[in-house]
Amino acid sequence: MSISANQTFCVSAWVRTSGGSSGAGGILKLWLLGGSYNDGESYSFASLNDNWTPIETCAVATTSHTFIRIQFYINVNGPTLDIDDVDVH
């Protein structure tokens, strides 16, 4: 993959607390990697219930990159997080 400076990439997903409970949370992180500098943006979410909730974050490349990484950092000792329909655009 070739990413040029000033290109914007976004990642979206649907999340919820699993099993009919509430309280799951974490961070969605979008990384633009493989260049002289790593770009990235994040979106924090918390106190989810069992309804599907959309989340999204976007990052603008400040230099060229060769790949994208998507990571979910889930709150430690929290309820199980369900993740669905992850899309990079």
C-alpha atoms as a PDB file:
ATOM      1  CA  MET A   1       0.000   0.000   0.000  1.00  0.00           C
ATOM      2  CA  SER A   2       1.214   3.489  -0.769  1.00  0.00           C
ATOM      3  CA  ILE A   3      -0.007   6.369   1.373  1.00  0.00           C
ATOM      4  CA  SER A   4       0.944   9.909   0.379  1.00  0.00           C
ATOM      5  CA  ALA A   5       1.278  12.971   2.590  1.00  0.00           C
ATOM      6  CA  ASN A   6      -2.045  14.766   3.185  1.00  0.00           C
ATOM      7  CA  GLN A   7      -4.160  11.663   2.512  1.00  0.00           C
ATOM      8  CA  THR A   8      -6.900  11.065   5.079  1.00  0.00           C
ATOM      9  CA  PHE A   9      -7.946   7.627   6.273  1.00  0.00           C
ATOM     10  CA  CYS A  10     -10.795   6.817   8.658  1.00  0.00           C
ATOM     11  CA  VAL A  11     -11.786   3.669  10.509  1.00  0.00           C
ATOM     12  CA  SER A  12     -15.285   3.009  11.772  1.00  0.00           C
ATOM     13  CA  ALA A  13     -16.774   0.131  13.742  1.00  0.00           C
ATOM     14  CA  TRP A  14     -19.841  -0.852  15.719  1.00  0.00           C
ATOM     15  CA  VAL A  15     -19.289  -1.790  19.382  1.00  0.00           C
ATOM     16  CA  ARG A  16     -21.360  -2.843  22.387  1.00  0.00           C
ATOM     17  CA  THR A  17     -21.064  -4.551  25.751  1.00  0.00           C
ATOM     18  CA  SER A  18     -21.515  -8.293  25.312  1.00  0.00           C
ATOM     19  CA  GLY A  19     -24.151 -10.426  26.983  1.00  0.00           C
ATOM     20  CA  GLY A  20     -26.810  -7.861  27.776  1.00  0.00           C
ATOM     21  CA  SER A  21     -24.748  -6.049  30.391  1.00  0.00           C
ATOM     22  CA  SER A  22     -23.136  -2.600  30.345  1.00  0.00           C
ATOM     23  CA  GLY A  23     -19.875  -0.836  31.080  1.00  0.00           C
ATOM     24  CA  ALA A  24     -17.467  -1.903  28.312  1.00  0.00           C
ATOM     25  CA  GLY A  25     -15.073   0.703  26.956  1.00  0.00           C
ATOM     26  CA  GLY A  26     -11.693   1.303  25.422  1.00  0.00           C
ATOM     27  CA  ILE A  27      -9.864   3.106  22.625  1.00  0.00           C
ATOM     28  CA  LEU A  28     -10.015   2.671  18.853  1.00  0.00           C
ATOM     29  CA  LYS A  29      -6.622   3.549  17.342  1.00  0.00           C
ATOM     30  CA  LEU A  30      -5.771   4.144  13.667  1.00  0.00           C
ATOM     31  CA  TRP A  31      -2.051   4.028  12.842  1.00  0.00           C
ATOM     32  CA  LEU A  32      -0.372   5.116   9.585  1.00  0.00           C
ATOM     33  CA  LEU A  33       2.999   3.327   9.690  1.00  0.00           C
ATOM     34  CA  GLY A  34       6.040   2.532   7.597  1.00  0.00           C
ATOM     35  CA  GLY A  35       7.317   6.063   7.042  1.00  0.00           C
ATOM     36  CA  SER A  36       9.820   8.389   8.632  1.00  0.00           C
ATOM     37  CA  TYR A  37       7.187   9.319  11.215  1.00  0.00           C
ATOM     38  CA  ASN A  38       4.165   7.358  12.488  1.00  0.00           C
ATOM     39  CA  ASP A  39       0.845   9.192  12.281  1.00  0.00           C
ATOM     40  CA  GLY A  40      -2.212   8.173  14.226  1.00  0.00           C
ATOM     41  CA  GLU A  41      -5.451   9.205  15.839  1.00  0.00           C
ATOM     42  CA  SER A  42      -7.654   7.586  18.458  1.00  0.00           C
ATOM     43  CA  TYR A  43     -11.216   7.611  19.746  1.00  0.00           C
ATOM     44  CA  SER A  44     -12.076   6.780  23.364  1.00  0.00           C
ATOM     45  CA  PHE A  45     -15.399   5.175  24.249  1.00  0.00           C
ATOM     46  CA  ALA A  46     -16.860   4.144  27.599  1.00  0.00           C
ATOM     47  CA  SER A  47     -19.968   3.013  29.456  1.00  0.00           C
ATOM     48  CA  LEU A  48     -21.428   1.124  26.511  1.00  0.00           C
ATOM     49  CA  ASN A  49     -24.664  -0.776  26.968  1.00  0.00           C
ATOM     50  CA  ASP A  50     -25.842  -3.762  24.892  1.00  0.00           C
ATOM     51  CA  ASN A  51     -27.019  -1.591  21.957  1.00  0.00           C
ATOM     52  CA  TRP A  52     -24.700  -1.390  18.948  1.00  0.00           C
ATOM     53  CA  THR A  53     -22.934   2.002  18.922  1.00  0.00           C
ATOM     54  CA  PRO A  54     -20.962   3.453  15.972  1.00  0.00           C
ATOM     55  CA  ILE A  55     -17.451   4.803  16.595  1.00  0.00           C
ATOM     56  CA  GLU A  56     -14.961   6.396  14.200  1.00  0.00           C
ATOM     57  CA  THR A  57     -11.590   8.122  14.050  1.00  0.00           C
ATOM     58  CA  CYS A  58      -9.624   9.650  11.154  1.00  0.00           C
ATOM     59  CA  ALA A  59      -5.935  10.415  10.590  1.00  0.00           C
ATOM     60  CA  VAL A  60      -4.166  12.632   8.060  1.00  0.00           C
ATOM     61  CA  ALA A  61      -0.761  11.485   6.804  1.00  0.00           C
ATOM     62  CA  THR A  62       1.969  14.062   7.448  1.00  0.00           C
ATOM     63  CA  THR A  63       4.455  12.002   5.410  1.00  0.00           C
ATOM     64  CA  SER A  64       4.331   8.918   3.173  1.00  0.00           C
ATOM     65  CA  HIS A  65       3.532   5.530   4.724  1.00  0.00           C
ATOM     66  CA  THR A  66       3.342   1.920   3.584  1.00  0.00           C
ATOM     67  CA  PHE A  67       0.632   0.411   5.777  1.00  0.00           C
ATOM     68  CA  ILE A  68      -2.275   0.971   8.154  1.00  0.00           C
ATOM     69  CA  ARG A  69      -2.829  -0.696  11.532  1.00  0.00           C
ATOM     70  CA  ILE A  70      -6.123  -0.726  13.423  1.00  0.00           C
ATOM     71  CA  GLN A  71      -6.038  -1.550  17.140  1.00  0.00           C
ATOM     72  CA  PHE A  72      -8.642  -1.780  19.881  1.00  0.00           C
ATOM     73  CA  TYR A  73      -7.329  -1.185  23.399  1.00  0.00           C
ATOM     74  CA  ILE A  74     -10.015  -2.626  25.671  1.00  0.00           C
ATOM     75  CA  ASN A  75     -10.403  -1.488  29.285  1.00  0.00           C
ATOM     76  CA  VAL A  76      -8.720  -3.902  31.683  1.00  0.00           C
ATOM     77  CA  ASN A  77     -11.043  -5.889  33.990  1.00  0.00           C
ATOM     78  CA  GLY A  78     -14.108  -4.517  32.191  1.00  0.00           C
ATOM     79  CA  PRO A  79     -16.975  -6.385  30.575  1.00  0.00           C
ATOM     80  CA  THR A  80     -16.464  -8.160  27.260  1.00  0.00           C
ATOM     81  CA  LEU A  81     -16.586  -5.874  24.217  1.00  0.00           C
ATOM     82  CA  ASP A  82     -18.320  -6.977  20.993  1.00  0.00           C
ATOM     83  CA  ILE A  83     -16.845  -5.477  17.783  1.00  0.00           C
ATOM     84  CA  ASP A  84     -18.487  -5.677  14.353  1.00  0.00           C
ATOM     85  CA  ASP A  85     -18.336  -4.171  10.862  1.00  0.00           C
ATOM     86  CA  VAL A  86     -14.862  -2.616  11.024  1.00  0.00           C
ATOM     87  CA  ASP A  87     -14.309  -0.496   7.903  1.00  0.00           C
ATOM     88  CA  VAL A  88     -11.295   1.516   6.682  1.00  0.00           C
ATOM     89  CA  HIS A  89     -12.145   4.281   4.263  1.00  0.00           C
END
